[in-house]
C-alpha atoms as a PDB file:
ATOM      1  CA  MET A   1      20.242   9.637 -21.648  1.00  0.00           C
ATOM      2  CA  GLU A   2      18.878   7.269 -18.978  1.00  0.00           C
ATOM      3  CA  MET A   3      15.294   7.340 -18.415  1.00  0.00           C
ATOM      4  CA  THR A   4      13.568   7.078 -15.142  1.00  0.00           C
ATOM      5  CA  ASP A   5      11.242   4.221 -14.678  1.00  0.00           C
ATOM      6  CA  LYS A   6       8.486   6.433 -14.252  1.00  0.00           C
ATOM      7  CA  ARG A   7       9.361   8.018 -17.535  1.00  0.00           C
ATOM      8  CA  ILE A   8       9.603   4.408 -19.303  1.00  0.00           C
ATOM      9  CA  ALA A   9       6.023   3.544 -17.900  1.00  0.00           C
ATOM     10  CA  GLU A  10       4.468   6.610 -19.255  1.00  0.00           C
ATOM     11  CA  VAL A  11       6.280   6.004 -22.813  1.00  0.00           C
ATOM     12  CA  PHE A  12       4.921   2.169 -22.940  1.00  0.00           C
ATOM     13  CA  LYS A  13       1.433   3.323 -21.413  1.00  0.00           C
ATOM     14  CA  ALA A  14       1.010   5.679 -24.434  1.00  0.00           C
ATOM     15  CA  LEU A  15       1.596   2.999 -26.889  1.00  0.00           C
ATOM     16  CA  CYS A  16      -0.340   0.248 -25.354  1.00  0.00           C
ATOM     17  CA  ASP A  17      -4.154   1.296 -26.101  1.00  0.00           C
ATOM     18  CA  GLU A  18      -5.731   0.512 -29.206  1.00  0.00           C
ATOM     19  CA  ASN A  19      -7.224   4.159 -29.621  1.00  0.00           C
ATOM     20  CA  ARG A  20      -3.927   5.503 -29.068  1.00  0.00           C
ATOM     21  CA  ILE A  21      -2.467   3.494 -31.628  1.00  0.00           C
ATOM     22  CA  LYS A  22      -5.106   4.885 -34.085  1.00  0.00           C
ATOM     23  CA  ILE A  23      -4.473   8.384 -33.164  1.00  0.00           C
ATOM     24  CA  LEU A  24      -0.808   7.933 -33.829  1.00  0.00           C
ATOM     25  CA  LYS A  25      -1.566   6.390 -37.212  1.00  0.00           C
ATOM     26  CA  LEU A  26      -3.773   9.392 -37.848  1.00  0.00           C
ATOM     27  CA  LEU A  27      -1.051  12.037 -37.193  1.00  0.00           C
ATOM     28  CA  GLN A  28       1.418  10.036 -39.350  1.00  0.00           C
ATOM     29  CA  SER A  29       0.296  12.366 -42.172  1.00  0.00           C
ATOM     30  CA  GLY A  30       0.872  15.497 -40.237  1.00  0.00           C
ATOM     31  CA  GLU A  31      -0.789  17.487 -37.526  1.00  0.00           C
ATOM     32  CA  LYS A  32      -4.439  17.057 -37.000  1.00  0.00           C
ATOM     33  CA  CYS A  33      -6.845  19.264 -34.932  1.00  0.00           C
ATOM     34  CA  ALA A  34      -8.493  17.355 -32.181  1.00  0.00           C
ATOM     35  CA  CYS A  35     -12.015  17.296 -33.665  1.00  0.00           C
ATOM     36  CA  HIS A  36     -10.302  15.480 -36.635  1.00  0.00           C
ATOM     37  CA  LEU A  37      -8.916  12.958 -34.741  1.00  0.00           C
ATOM     38  CA  ASN A  38     -11.972  12.619 -32.609  1.00  0.00           C
ATOM     39  CA  ASP A  39     -13.569  11.632 -36.085  1.00  0.00           C
ATOM     40  CA  GLY A  40     -11.194   9.340 -36.836  1.00  0.00           C
ATOM     41  CA  ILE A  41     -11.656   7.091 -33.827  1.00  0.00           C
ATOM     42  CA  ASN A  42     -15.226   8.113 -32.588  1.00  0.00           C
ATOM     43  CA  VAL A  43     -14.778   8.401 -28.812  1.00  0.00           C
ATOM     44  CA  THR A  44     -16.351  11.073 -26.525  1.00  0.00           C
ATOM     45  CA  GLN A  45     -14.820  14.261 -26.277  1.00  0.00           C
ATOM     46  CA  SER A  46     -13.528  13.546 -22.672  1.00  0.00           C
ATOM     47  CA  THR A  47     -12.093  10.191 -23.663  1.00  0.00           C
ATOM     48  CA  MET A  48     -10.035  11.804 -26.385  1.00  0.00           C
ATOM     49  CA  SER A  49      -8.920  14.358 -23.972  1.00  0.00           C
ATOM     50  CA  HIS A  50      -7.598  11.572 -21.817  1.00  0.00           C
ATOM     51  CA  HIS A  51      -6.040   9.782 -24.752  1.00  0.00           C
ATOM     52  CA  MET A  52      -4.380  12.986 -25.853  1.00  0.00           C
ATOM     53  CA  LYS A  53      -2.994  13.708 -22.341  1.00  0.00           C
ATOM     54  CA  VAL A  54      -1.527  10.284 -22.252  1.00  0.00           C
ATOM     55  CA  LEU A  55       0.242  10.667 -25.485  1.00  0.00           C
ATOM     56  CA  CYS A  56       1.274  14.190 -24.631  1.00  0.00           C
ATOM     57  CA  ASP A  57       2.824  13.206 -21.373  1.00  0.00           C
ATOM     58  CA  SER A  58       5.000  10.393 -23.006  1.00  0.00           C
ATOM     59  CA  GLY A  59       6.556  12.908 -25.120  1.00  0.00           C
ATOM     60  CA  ILE A  60       5.350  11.283 -28.276  1.00  0.00           C
ATOM     61  CA  VAL A  61       3.134  13.625 -29.329  1.00  0.00           C
ATOM     62  CA  VAL A  62       2.869  17.527 -28.937  1.00  0.00           C
ATOM     63  CA  GLY A  63      -0.151  19.808 -28.914  1.00  0.00           C
ATOM     64  CA  ARG A  64      -0.229  23.242 -29.567  1.00  0.00           C
ATOM     65  CA  LYS A  65      -3.362  25.837 -29.059  1.00  0.00           C
ATOM     66  CA  GLN A  66      -4.649  27.592 -32.040  1.00  0.00           C
ATOM     67  CA  GLY A  67      -7.997  29.813 -31.210  1.00  0.00           C
ATOM     68  CA  LYS A  68     -10.057  27.480 -29.236  1.00  0.00           C
ATOM     69  CA  TRP A  69      -8.769  24.226 -30.973  1.00  0.00           C
ATOM     70  CA  MET A  70      -5.886  22.149 -29.870  1.00  0.00           C
ATOM     71  CA  HIS A  71      -3.853  20.919 -32.895  1.00  0.00           C
ATOM     72  CA  TYR A  72      -1.430  17.559 -32.425  1.00  0.00           C
ATOM     73  CA  SER A  73       1.491  16.016 -34.053  1.00  0.00           C
ATOM     74  CA  ILE A  74       4.074  13.570 -33.421  1.00  0.00           C
ATOM     75  CA  SER A  75       7.055  14.843 -31.904  1.00  0.00           C
ATOM     76  CA  ALA A  76      10.434  13.430 -33.589  1.00  0.00           C
ATOM     77  CA  GLU A  77      12.401  14.299 -30.353  1.00  0.00           C
ATOM     78  CA  GLY A  78       9.630  12.222 -28.317  1.00  0.00           C
ATOM     79  CA  VAL A  79       9.713   9.400 -30.942  1.00  0.00           C
ATOM     80  CA  GLN A  80      13.713   9.318 -30.467  1.00  0.00           C
ATOM     81  CA  ALA A  81      13.541   9.229 -27.057  1.00  0.00           C
ATOM     82  CA  ALA A  82      11.089   6.278 -26.758  1.00  0.00           C
ATOM     83  CA  MET A  83      13.308   4.300 -29.249  1.00  0.00           C
ATOM     84  CA  GLU A  84      16.252   5.216 -27.115  1.00  0.00           C
ATOM     85  CA  CYS A  85      14.028   4.011 -24.162  1.00  0.00           C
ATOM     86  CA  LEU A  86      13.305   0.452 -25.812  1.00  0.00           C
ATOM     87  CA  LYS A  87      16.768   0.246 -26.984  1.00  0.00           C
ATOM     88  CA  GLU A  88      18.166   0.767 -23.145  1.00  0.00           C
ATOM     89  CA  LEU A  89      15.687  -1.520 -21.884  1.00  0.00           C
ATOM     90  CA  THR A  90      16.307  -4.537 -23.855  1.00  0.00           C
ATOM     91  CA  ALA A  91      20.152  -4.056 -24.092  1.00  0.00           C
ATOM     92  CA  PHE A  92      21.849  -7.576 -23.355  1.00  0.00           C
ATOM     93  CA  SER A  93      24.321  -6.962 -20.770  1.00  0.00           C
ATOM     94  CA  GLY A  94      26.249 -10.188 -21.167  1.00  0.00           C
ATOM     95  CA  GLU A  95      25.699 -11.600 -17.780  1.00  0.00           C
ATOM     96  CA  ARG A  96      24.436 -15.045 -17.172  1.00  0.00           C
ATOM     97  CA  CYS A  97      22.768 -16.491 -14.224  1.00  0.00           C
ATOM     98  CA  ASP A  98      24.645 -19.335 -12.503  1.00  0.00           C
ATOM     99  CA  CYS A  99      22.115 -20.671 -10.850  1.00  0.00           C
ATOM    100  CA  GLY A 100      21.797 -24.315 -10.723  1.00  0.00           C
ATOM    101  CA  LYS A 101      25.156 -24.894 -11.307  1.00  0.00           C
ATOM    102  CA  LYS A 102      27.041 -27.730  -9.267  1.00  0.00           C
ATOM    103  CA  GLU A 103      29.947 -26.710  -7.010  1.00  0.00           C
END
C-alpha cells in the first residue's frame, strides 16, 4: 500500500518527539490508562492529550474508552504500516544522476 505524503508526515511526526518516544516505551509492556502514561512522563493533561492525538493520528497507537478513562496501546497494524512507510521511502531505485558528466 502506497502512503500519501501527508500520511508519511503524520507517522514521522509521531516519532520525532522525546515525550512521544517515552509514551511508546511505556506502552511496550501493554495497554495503559492515560493517567498512568501521564505519571510516566509528567506533563500536563492538555499536553498528554496532544501527544496522544498525534500518536493516534499516526495509527501507531490506538485508544479505547472505558468509563471516563482512555486506555492506549500500540497498534500492530499501525507499526507495520509505519515500517512499510520507512521501507518505501528509503528504497533505492537504482537510478543515478548523470549531472556533471562530460558530453
